Amino acid sequence: MAVFTELTVEQFATFSTTVNVEDVQGNPINLSGYTAASQIRKSYYSSAANNFTATVTGTSNGEITLSMTSSNTANLTPGRMLYDLVITAPNGTKTRVVEGIVTVLPGVTKE
């Protein structure tokens, strides 16, 4: 079962956060050969999505970095949205490891 975590993204600003993937005993999962994907949607049924860049940044300690450029956060509509993070094992097995709410805060400075 995926862990529930809330995120806050500021519109027009660069976003980055780190997720540590662990097994049920709390030990880091070795992510060698794994890939990761993460999207934001207004609802579970929305066809439109915005992608986080999901990068395995620590294979031995189960670390994944979710990020988004300021150009991408500029395209987000302020308010509450949903997201999840799915990892894919080398054998093709997909596991949703994190899910939750993203609060997009509106920005004023639009450089």
N, C-alpha and C. Protein backbone atom coordinates (compact mmCIF):
# COMPACT_ATOMS: atom_id res chain seq x y z
N MET A 1 0.84 -1.19 0.00
CA MET A 1 0.00 0.00 0.00
C MET A 1 0.88 1.25 0.00
N ALA A 2 0.51 2.21 -0.79
CA ALA A 2 1.29 3.44 -0.92
C ALA A 2 1.19 4.30 0.34
N VAL A 3 2.26 5.00 0.62
CA VAL A 3 2.31 5.95 1.73
C VAL A 3 1.62 7.24 1.28
N PHE A 4 0.82 7.86 2.15
CA PHE A 4 0.15 9.12 1.84
C PHE A 4 1.02 10.27 2.32
N THR A 5 1.35 11.19 1.40
CA THR A 5 2.17 12.36 1.74
C THR A 5 1.63 13.57 0.99
N GLU A 6 1.52 14.69 1.69
CA GLU A 6 1.08 15.94 1.05
C GLU A 6 2.30 16.75 0.60
N LEU A 7 2.18 17.37 -0.57
CA LEU A 7 3.22 18.23 -1.12
C LEU A 7 2.67 19.62 -1.36
N THR A 8 3.56 20.60 -1.33
CA THR A 8 3.21 21.98 -1.69
C THR A 8 4.14 22.42 -2.81
N VAL A 9 3.55 22.90 -3.89
CA VAL A 9 4.31 23.39 -5.04
C VAL A 9 3.97 24.86 -5.22
N GLU A 10 4.97 25.70 -5.33
CA GLU A 10 4.75 27.13 -5.56
C GLU A 10 4.80 27.40 -7.06
N GLN A 11 3.74 28.00 -7.57
CA GLN A 11 3.66 28.34 -8.98
C GLN A 11 4.80 29.30 -9.33
N PHE A 12 5.43 29.13 -10.50
CA PHE A 12 6.52 29.95 -11.03
C PHE A 12 7.86 29.72 -10.32
N ALA A 13 7.95 28.74 -9.43
CA ALA A 13 9.20 28.45 -8.72
C ALA A 13 9.65 27.03 -9.05
N THR A 14 10.94 26.80 -8.96
CA THR A 14 11.49 25.45 -9.15
C THR A 14 11.09 24.60 -7.95
N PHE A 15 10.69 23.36 -8.21
CA PHE A 15 10.26 22.44 -7.15
C PHE A 15 11.16 21.21 -7.14
N SER A 16 11.51 20.75 -5.94
CA SER A 16 12.26 19.50 -5.79
C SER A 16 12.02 18.93 -4.40
N THR A 17 11.81 17.64 -4.34
CA THR A 17 11.69 16.95 -3.06
C THR A 17 12.23 15.54 -3.22
N THR A 18 12.67 14.96 -2.11
CA THR A 18 13.23 13.61 -2.13
C THR A 18 12.28 12.65 -1.42
N VAL A 19 12.11 11.48 -2.01
CA VAL A 19 11.29 10.42 -1.44
C VAL A 19 12.21 9.23 -1.17
N ASN A 20 12.10 8.64 0.01
CA ASN A 20 12.87 7.46 0.35
C ASN A 20 11.94 6.26 0.37
N VAL A 21 12.18 5.29 -0.51
CA VAL A 21 11.34 4.11 -0.64
C VAL A 21 11.87 3.03 0.29
N GLU A 22 10.99 2.52 1.17
CA GLU A 22 11.37 1.52 2.16
C GLU A 22 10.44 0.32 2.10
N ASP A 23 10.92 -0.83 2.58
CA ASP A 23 10.06 -2.00 2.69
C ASP A 23 9.23 -1.90 3.97
N VAL A 24 8.41 -2.90 4.26
CA VAL A 24 7.51 -2.84 5.41
C VAL A 24 8.25 -2.81 6.74
N GLN A 25 9.50 -3.25 6.76
CA GLN A 25 10.31 -3.19 7.99
C GLN A 25 11.05 -1.86 8.14
N GLY A 26 10.92 -0.97 7.15
CA GLY A 26 11.60 0.32 7.21
C GLY A 26 12.99 0.33 6.62
N ASN A 27 13.36 -0.73 5.94
CA ASN A 27 14.68 -0.80 5.30
C ASN A 27 14.59 -0.21 3.89
N PRO A 28 15.62 0.53 3.47
CA PRO A 28 15.61 1.10 2.12
C PRO A 28 15.58 -0.01 1.07
N ILE A 29 14.81 0.21 0.01
CA ILE A 29 14.75 -0.73 -1.10
C ILE A 29 15.86 -0.39 -2.09
N ASN A 30 16.61 -1.39 -2.52
CA ASN A 30 17.64 -1.18 -3.53
C ASN A 30 16.94 -0.97 -4.87
N LEU A 31 17.11 0.19 -5.46
CA LEU A 31 16.42 0.56 -6.70
C LEU A 31 17.28 0.41 -7.95
N SER A 32 18.29 -0.45 -7.88
CA SER A 32 19.12 -0.70 -9.07
C SER A 32 18.25 -1.23 -10.20
N GLY A 33 18.30 -0.57 -11.34
CA GLY A 33 17.54 -1.00 -12.50
C GLY A 33 16.09 -0.55 -12.52
N TYR A 34 15.65 0.14 -11.48
CA TYR A 34 14.27 0.63 -11.41
C TYR A 34 14.13 1.96 -12.14
N THR A 35 12.94 2.25 -12.60
CA THR A 35 12.59 3.57 -13.12
C THR A 35 11.43 4.09 -12.27
N ALA A 36 11.18 5.39 -12.39
CA ALA A 36 10.11 6.01 -11.60
C ALA A 36 9.32 6.97 -12.48
N ALA A 37 8.04 7.12 -12.18
CA ALA A 37 7.17 8.06 -12.89
C ALA A 37 6.20 8.67 -11.89
N SER A 38 5.86 9.94 -12.10
CA SER A 38 4.95 10.63 -11.19
C SER A 38 4.17 11.69 -11.94
N GLN A 39 2.87 11.77 -11.68
CA GLN A 39 2.01 12.75 -12.33
C GLN A 39 1.12 13.46 -11.32
N ILE A 40 0.70 14.66 -11.73
CA ILE A 40 -0.28 15.46 -10.98
C ILE A 40 -1.53 15.56 -11.84
N ARG A 41 -2.70 15.38 -11.22
CA ARG A 41 -3.98 15.53 -11.92
C ARG A 41 -4.97 16.24 -10.99
N LYS A 42 -5.93 16.90 -11.60
CA LYS A 42 -6.97 17.60 -10.83
C LYS A 42 -7.85 16.59 -10.07
N SER A 43 -8.14 15.45 -10.70
CA SER A 43 -8.90 14.39 -10.04
C SER A 43 -8.41 13.06 -10.56
N TYR A 44 -8.86 11.99 -9.95
CA TYR A 44 -8.46 10.65 -10.40
C TYR A 44 -8.90 10.40 -11.84
N TYR A 45 -9.93 11.09 -12.28
CA TYR A 45 -10.53 10.82 -13.59
C TYR A 45 -10.14 11.85 -14.66
N SER A 46 -9.30 12.80 -14.31
CA SER A 46 -8.86 13.82 -15.28
C SER A 46 -8.01 13.19 -16.36
N SER A 47 -8.25 13.61 -17.61
CA SER A 47 -7.41 13.13 -18.70
C SER A 47 -6.12 13.95 -18.80
N ALA A 48 -6.17 15.20 -18.37
CA ALA A 48 -5.00 16.07 -18.40
C ALA A 48 -4.11 15.80 -17.20
N ALA A 49 -2.81 15.76 -17.44
CA ALA A 49 -1.85 15.52 -16.36
C ALA A 49 -0.61 16.37 -16.56
N ASN A 50 0.06 16.67 -15.47
CA ASN A 50 1.37 17.32 -15.49
C ASN A 50 2.35 16.33 -14.87
N ASN A 51 3.52 16.21 -15.46
CA ASN A 51 4.51 15.25 -14.98
C ASN A 51 5.55 15.89 -14.09
N PHE A 52 5.83 15.21 -12.96
CA PHE A 52 7.05 15.49 -12.24
C PHE A 52 8.17 14.78 -12.98
N THR A 53 9.38 15.30 -12.92
CA THR A 53 10.54 14.52 -13.32
C THR A 53 10.87 13.64 -12.13
N ALA A 54 10.79 12.33 -12.31
CA ALA A 54 11.04 11.38 -11.23
C ALA A 54 12.33 10.63 -11.56
N THR A 55 13.37 10.85 -10.72
CA THR A 55 14.69 10.31 -10.99
C THR A 55 15.18 9.49 -9.80
N VAL A 56 15.62 8.27 -10.06
CA VAL A 56 16.25 7.47 -9.00
C VAL A 56 17.62 8.09 -8.75
N THR A 57 17.78 8.71 -7.59
CA THR A 57 19.02 9.43 -7.28
C THR A 57 19.90 8.69 -6.27
N GLY A 58 19.38 7.63 -5.68
CA GLY A 58 20.14 6.81 -4.74
C GLY A 58 19.69 5.37 -4.83
N THR A 59 20.38 4.58 -5.64
CA THR A 59 19.92 3.21 -5.85
C THR A 59 19.99 2.37 -4.58
N SER A 60 21.07 2.47 -3.82
CA SER A 60 21.24 1.61 -2.65
C SER A 60 20.40 2.05 -1.45
N ASN A 61 20.04 3.35 -1.40
CA ASN A 61 19.26 3.83 -0.25
C ASN A 61 17.81 4.14 -0.59
N GLY A 62 17.34 3.72 -1.77
CA GLY A 62 15.93 3.87 -2.13
C GLY A 62 15.49 5.30 -2.35
N GLU A 63 16.38 6.17 -2.81
CA GLU A 63 16.07 7.59 -2.94
C GLU A 63 15.62 7.95 -4.36
N ILE A 64 14.48 8.65 -4.41
CA ILE A 64 13.94 9.17 -5.67
C ILE A 64 13.71 10.67 -5.49
N THR A 65 14.10 11.45 -6.49
CA THR A 65 13.87 12.89 -6.46
C THR A 65 12.75 13.23 -7.44
N LEU A 66 11.76 13.95 -6.93
CA LEU A 66 10.69 14.50 -7.77
C LEU A 66 11.01 15.97 -7.98
N SER A 67 10.95 16.42 -9.22
CA SER A 67 11.26 17.83 -9.49
C SER A 67 10.39 18.35 -10.62
N MET A 68 10.37 19.68 -10.70
CA MET A 68 9.63 20.37 -11.76
C MET A 68 10.29 21.73 -11.94
N THR A 69 10.51 22.11 -13.18
CA THR A 69 11.12 23.42 -13.45
C THR A 69 10.11 24.53 -13.19
N SER A 70 10.62 25.75 -13.08
CA SER A 70 9.73 26.90 -12.88
C SER A 70 8.81 27.10 -14.08
N SER A 71 9.29 26.77 -15.27
CA SER A 71 8.43 26.85 -16.47
C SER A 71 7.26 25.89 -16.36
N ASN A 72 7.51 24.71 -15.80
CA ASN A 72 6.43 23.73 -15.64
C ASN A 72 5.47 24.10 -14.51
N THR A 73 5.99 24.60 -13.40
CA THR A 73 5.09 24.99 -12.30
C THR A 73 4.22 26.18 -12.72
N ALA A 74 4.72 27.00 -13.66
CA ALA A 74 3.94 28.13 -14.17
C ALA A 74 2.66 27.66 -14.86
N ASN A 75 2.69 26.43 -15.40
CA ASN A 75 1.52 25.88 -16.10
C ASN A 75 0.51 25.21 -15.18
N LEU A 76 0.82 25.13 -13.89
CA LEU A 76 -0.10 24.50 -12.95
C LEU A 76 -1.17 25.48 -12.51
N THR A 77 -2.38 24.99 -12.36
CA THR A 77 -3.48 25.80 -11.86
C THR A 77 -3.45 25.76 -10.33
N PRO A 78 -3.45 26.93 -9.67
CA PRO A 78 -3.44 26.92 -8.21
C PRO A 78 -4.64 26.17 -7.64
N GLY A 79 -4.40 25.52 -6.52
CA GLY A 79 -5.45 24.75 -5.84
C GLY A 79 -4.95 23.38 -5.45
N ARG A 80 -5.90 22.52 -5.09
CA ARG A 80 -5.58 21.16 -4.65
C ARG A 80 -5.65 20.20 -5.83
N MET A 81 -4.63 19.36 -5.90
CA MET A 81 -4.57 18.35 -6.95
C MET A 81 -4.12 17.04 -6.31
N LEU A 82 -4.06 15.98 -7.11
CA LEU A 82 -3.62 14.67 -6.64
C LEU A 82 -2.35 14.27 -7.37
N TYR A 83 -1.55 13.41 -6.73
CA TYR A 83 -0.35 12.89 -7.38
C TYR A 83 -0.08 11.49 -6.86
N ASP A 84 0.76 10.77 -7.59
CA ASP A 84 1.32 9.54 -7.07
C ASP A 84 2.69 9.31 -7.70
N LEU A 85 3.40 8.34 -7.15
CA LEU A 85 4.73 7.97 -7.61
C LEU A 85 4.73 6.46 -7.81
N VAL A 86 5.04 6.03 -9.03
CA VAL A 86 5.06 4.61 -9.36
C VAL A 86 6.49 4.23 -9.75
N ILE A 87 6.98 3.13 -9.16
CA ILE A 87 8.28 2.61 -9.55
C ILE A 87 8.07 1.35 -10.38
N THR A 88 8.97 1.14 -11.34
CA THR A 88 8.91 -0.04 -12.18
C THR A 88 10.20 -0.83 -11.99
N ALA A 89 10.05 -2.09 -11.57
CA ALA A 89 11.19 -2.98 -11.34
C ALA A 89 11.76 -3.44 -12.68
N PRO A 90 12.98 -3.93 -12.68
CA PRO A 90 13.58 -4.43 -13.93
C PRO A 90 12.75 -5.50 -14.63
N ASN A 91 11.95 -6.26 -13.87
CA ASN A 91 11.11 -7.30 -14.48
C ASN A 91 9.77 -6.77 -14.98
N GLY A 92 9.54 -5.44 -14.84
CA GLY A 92 8.30 -4.81 -15.33
C GLY A 92 7.21 -4.63 -14.30
N THR A 93 7.41 -5.16 -13.09
CA THR A 93 6.42 -5.01 -12.03
C THR A 93 6.34 -3.55 -11.59
N LYS A 94 5.11 -3.02 -11.58
CA LYS A 94 4.89 -1.62 -11.18
C LYS A 94 4.30 -1.58 -9.77
N THR A 95 4.80 -0.65 -8.95
CA THR A 95 4.33 -0.49 -7.58
C THR A 95 4.12 0.99 -7.30
N ARG A 96 2.92 1.35 -6.83
CA ARG A 96 2.68 2.73 -6.40
C ARG A 96 3.20 2.84 -4.98
N VAL A 97 4.20 3.70 -4.76
CA VAL A 97 4.85 3.78 -3.45
C VAL A 97 4.43 5.00 -2.65
N VAL A 98 4.00 6.06 -3.32
CA VAL A 98 3.56 7.28 -2.64
C VAL A 98 2.36 7.84 -3.39
N GLU A 99 1.41 8.37 -2.65
CA GLU A 99 0.28 9.08 -3.24
C GLU A 99 -0.13 10.18 -2.28
N GLY A 100 -0.86 11.16 -2.80
CA GLY A 100 -1.31 12.21 -1.90
C GLY A 100 -1.87 13.42 -2.62
N ILE A 101 -1.92 14.50 -1.87
CA ILE A 101 -2.47 15.76 -2.34
C ILE A 101 -1.32 16.73 -2.59
N VAL A 102 -1.41 17.45 -3.69
CA VAL A 102 -0.48 18.54 -4.00
C VAL A 102 -1.27 19.83 -3.89
N THR A 103 -0.80 20.74 -3.07
CA THR A 103 -1.38 22.07 -3.02
C THR A 103 -0.49 22.99 -3.84
N VAL A 104 -1.06 23.56 -4.90
CA VAL A 104 -0.32 24.49 -5.75
C VAL A 104 -0.66 25.91 -5.28
N LEU A 105 0.37 26.61 -4.80
CA LEU A 105 0.18 27.98 -4.32
C LEU A 105 0.39 28.95 -5.47
N PRO A 106 -0.53 29.91 -5.64
CA PRO A 106 -0.38 30.86 -6.75
C PRO A 106 0.82 31.77 -6.56
N GLY A 107 1.43 32.14 -7.67
CA GLY A 107 2.56 33.04 -7.64
C GLY A 107 2.18 34.43 -8.15
N VAL A 108 2.99 35.40 -7.83
CA VAL A 108 2.76 36.78 -8.27
C VAL A 108 3.81 37.18 -9.30
N THR A 109 5.09 36.92 -9.01
CA THR A 109 6.17 37.31 -9.90
C THR A 109 6.29 36.28 -11.01
N LYS A 110 6.09 36.75 -12.25
CA LYS A 110 6.07 35.88 -13.41
C LYS A 110 7.21 36.23 -14.34
N GLU A 111 8.44 35.89 -13.93
CA GLU A 111 9.63 36.20 -14.74
C GLU A 111 9.83 35.17 -15.81
